[in-house]
C-alpha atoms as a PDB file:
ATOM      1  CA  MET A   1     160.953  31.745  81.612  1.00  0.00           C
ATOM      2  CA  SER A   2     161.677  32.743  85.188  1.00  0.00           C
ATOM      3  CA  GLU A   3     159.005  34.735  86.997  1.00  0.00           C
ATOM      4  CA  PHE A   4     161.566  36.978  88.709  1.00  0.00           C
ATOM      5  CA  LEU A   5     164.650  38.931  87.612  1.00  0.00           C
ATOM      6  CA  VAL A   6     167.671  40.623  89.087  1.00  0.00           C
ATOM      7  CA  VAL A   7     168.327  43.795  87.089  1.00  0.00           C
ATOM      8  CA  TYR A   8     171.726  45.499  87.112  1.00  0.00           C
ATOM      9  CA  ILE A   9     171.813  49.253  86.565  1.00  0.00           C
ATOM     10  CA  THR A  10     174.807  51.574  86.910  1.00  0.00           C
ATOM     11  CA  ALA A  11     174.357  55.271  87.600  1.00  0.00           C
ATOM     12  CA  SER A  12     176.021  58.283  89.182  1.00  0.00           C
ATOM     13  CA  GLY A  13     175.571  58.586  92.962  1.00  0.00           C
ATOM     14  CA  ASP A  14     172.638  60.981  93.305  1.00  0.00           C
ATOM     15  CA  ASN A  15     170.910  59.623  90.212  1.00  0.00           C
ATOM     16  CA  ALA A  16     171.313  56.083  91.571  1.00  0.00           C
ATOM     17  CA  LYS A  17     169.586  57.056  94.838  1.00  0.00           C
ATOM     18  CA  ASP A  18     166.735  58.721  92.939  1.00  0.00           C
ATOM     19  CA  LEU A  19     166.324  55.710  90.629  1.00  0.00           C
ATOM     20  CA  ALA A  20     166.246  53.267  93.541  1.00  0.00           C
ATOM     21  CA  SER A  21     163.602  55.298  95.380  1.00  0.00           C
ATOM     22  CA  ALA A  22     161.417  55.753  92.290  1.00  0.00           C
ATOM     23  CA  LEU A  23     161.491  52.065  91.340  1.00  0.00           C
ATOM     24  CA  VAL A  24     160.506  50.931  94.837  1.00  0.00           C
ATOM     25  CA  ARG A  25     157.913  53.701  95.328  1.00  0.00           C
ATOM     26  CA  GLU A  26     156.292  52.849  91.971  1.00  0.00           C
ATOM     27  CA  LYS A  27     156.320  49.109  92.831  1.00  0.00           C
ATOM     28  CA  LEU A  28     158.487  48.253  89.834  1.00  0.00           C
ATOM     29  CA  ALA A  29     161.096  46.857  92.232  1.00  0.00           C
ATOM     30  CA  ALA A  30     160.574  44.942  95.459  1.00  0.00           C
ATOM     31  CA  CYS A  31     164.056  45.882  96.663  1.00  0.00           C
ATOM     32  CA  VAL A  32     167.048  47.782  95.305  1.00  0.00           C
ATOM     33  CA  ASN A  33     170.548  47.357  96.728  1.00  0.00           C
ATOM     34  CA  ARG A  34     172.925  50.222  95.993  1.00  0.00           C
ATOM     35  CA  VAL A  35     176.603  49.338  95.891  1.00  0.00           C
ATOM     36  CA  PRO A  36     178.497  52.633  95.905  1.00  0.00           C
ATOM     37  CA  ALA A  37     181.740  53.389  94.120  1.00  0.00           C
ATOM     38  CA  VAL A  38     182.240  50.523  91.698  1.00  0.00           C
ATOM     39  CA  GLU A  39     184.838  51.227  89.026  1.00  0.00           C
ATOM     40  CA  SER A  40     183.580  50.741  85.474  1.00  0.00           C
ATOM     41  CA  THR A  41     185.857  50.481  82.427  1.00  0.00           C
ATOM     42  CA  TYR A  42     184.184  50.704  79.020  1.00  0.00           C
ATOM     43  CA  THR A  43     184.520  52.060  75.499  1.00  0.00           C
ATOM     44  CA  TRP A  44     182.592  55.236  74.697  1.00  0.00           C
ATOM     45  CA  GLU A  45     182.873  57.190  71.459  1.00  0.00           C
ATOM     46  CA  GLY A  46     186.057  55.329  70.511  1.00  0.00           C
ATOM     47  CA  ARG A  47     187.894  55.870  73.792  1.00  0.00           C
ATOM     48  CA  VAL A  48     188.441  53.597  76.773  1.00  0.00           C
ATOM     49  CA  GLU A  49     186.868  55.330  79.769  1.00  0.00           C
ATOM     50  CA  ARG A  50     187.069  54.630  83.484  1.00  0.00           C
ATOM     51  CA  ASP A  51     184.485  56.026  85.894  1.00  0.00           C
ATOM     52  CA  THR A  52     183.244  55.477  89.406  1.00  0.00           C
ATOM     53  CA  GLU A  53     179.543  54.661  89.484  1.00  0.00           C
ATOM     54  CA  ASP A  54     177.008  53.102  91.811  1.00  0.00           C
ATOM     55  CA  LEU A  55     175.644  49.658  90.987  1.00  0.00           C
ATOM     56  CA  LEU A  56     171.954  49.064  91.586  1.00  0.00           C
ATOM     57  CA  ILE A  57     170.859  45.474  92.111  1.00  0.00           C
ATOM     58  CA  VAL A  58     167.114  45.461  91.489  1.00  0.00           C
ATOM     59  CA  LYS A  59     164.747  42.596  92.265  1.00  0.00           C
ATOM     60  CA  THR A  60     161.566  42.521  90.180  1.00  0.00           C
ATOM     61  CA  ARG A  61     159.162  40.330  88.222  1.00  0.00           C
ATOM     62  CA  ALA A  62     159.962  39.483  84.609  1.00  0.00           C
ATOM     63  CA  ASP A  63     156.639  40.882  83.404  1.00  0.00           C
ATOM     64  CA  LEU A  64     157.545  44.300  84.882  1.00  0.00           C
ATOM     65  CA  PHE A  65     160.900  44.533  83.063  1.00  0.00           C
ATOM     66  CA  ASP A  66     159.687  46.637  80.114  1.00  0.00           C
ATOM     67  CA  ARG A  67     157.986  49.168  82.418  1.00  0.00           C
ATOM     68  CA  LEU A  68     161.031  49.255  84.687  1.00  0.00           C
ATOM     69  CA  LYS A  69     163.345  49.754  81.696  1.00  0.00           C
ATOM     70  CA  GLN A  70     161.211  52.617  80.341  1.00  0.00           C
ATOM     71  CA  ARG A  71     161.129  54.294  83.748  1.00  0.00           C
ATOM     72  CA  VAL A  72     164.901  53.998  84.171  1.00  0.00           C
ATOM     73  CA  GLN A  73     165.470  55.431  80.684  1.00  0.00           C
ATOM     74  CA  ALA A  74     163.191  58.379  81.523  1.00  0.00           C
ATOM     75  CA  LEU A  75     164.940  59.152  84.837  1.00  0.00           C
ATOM     76  CA  HIS A  76     168.559  58.212  84.049  1.00  0.00           C
ATOM     77  CA  ASP A  77     171.157  60.878  83.347  1.00  0.00           C
ATOM     78  CA  TYR A  78     173.116  58.713  80.855  1.00  0.00           C
ATOM     79  CA  ASP A  79     172.432  58.553  77.116  1.00  0.00           C
ATOM     80  CA  VAL A  80     172.839  54.754  77.154  1.00  0.00           C
ATOM     81  CA  PRO A  81     172.155  53.399  80.646  1.00  0.00           C
ATOM     82  CA  GLU A  82     173.082  49.856  81.593  1.00  0.00           C
ATOM     83  CA  ILE A  83     169.866  47.907  82.232  1.00  0.00           C
ATOM     84  CA  ILE A  84     170.492  44.143  82.256  1.00  0.00           C
ATOM     85  CA  GLY A  85     167.964  41.590  83.498  1.00  0.00           C
ATOM     86  CA  VAL A  86     169.074  38.172  84.725  1.00  0.00           C
ATOM     87  CA  PRO A  87     166.525  35.452  85.568  1.00  0.00           C
ATOM     88  CA  ILE A  88     166.271  34.228  89.140  1.00  0.00           C
ATOM     89  CA  ASP A  89     166.147  30.460  88.683  1.00  0.00           C
ATOM     90  CA  HIS A  90     166.443  29.608  92.380  1.00  0.00           C
ATOM     91  CA  GLY A  91     165.665  31.529  95.555  1.00  0.00           C
ATOM     92  CA  SER A  92     164.242  31.415  99.023  1.00  0.00           C
ATOM     93  CA  GLU A  93     160.522  30.693  98.692  1.00  0.00           C
ATOM     94  CA  SER A  94     159.652  33.139 101.468  1.00  0.00           C
ATOM     95  CA  TYR A  95     161.679  35.922  99.776  1.00  0.00           C
ATOM     96  CA  LEU A  96     160.110  35.260  96.374  1.00  0.00           C
ATOM     97  CA  GLU A  97     156.632  35.253  97.966  1.00  0.00           C
ATOM     98  CA  TRP A  98     157.428  38.591  99.631  1.00  0.00           C
ATOM     99  CA  MET A  99     158.577  39.985  96.264  1.00  0.00           C
ATOM    100  CA  ALA A 100     155.365  38.827  94.582  1.00  0.00           C
ATOM    101  CA  ALA A 101     153.246  40.480  97.288  1.00  0.00           C
ATOM    102  CA  THR A 102     155.243  43.735  97.174  1.00  0.00           C
ATOM    103  CA  LEU A 103     155.369  44.375  93.426  1.00  0.00           C
ATOM    104  CA  SER A 104     152.817  46.121  91.194  1.00  0.00           C
ATOM    105  CA  LYS A 105     149.773  44.043  90.349  1.00  0.00           C
ATOM    106  CA  ASP A 106     149.262  45.842  87.013  1.00  0.00           C
END
């Protein structure tokens, strides 16, 4: 299992900013990139929907994923937020060392 993850989260603009700040402040994320105005197409309650959302690209440790997920669910304004973790199998050693030093030690 990879020690680090990239986590994808979509959210509305203001909620995305708040989520990014909370995750970094609480040391659940070393860094969050916010990509504004991505268009999402999905099925919800039997209908195909299309919305503009922000995409958060979150870098964290795998052992923090459950805490991060719970925090996002508590702060998110969607009933079913997208929270998808993808292992980081390769990366710059200096960046991964910085992530390890930045994240929660709990």
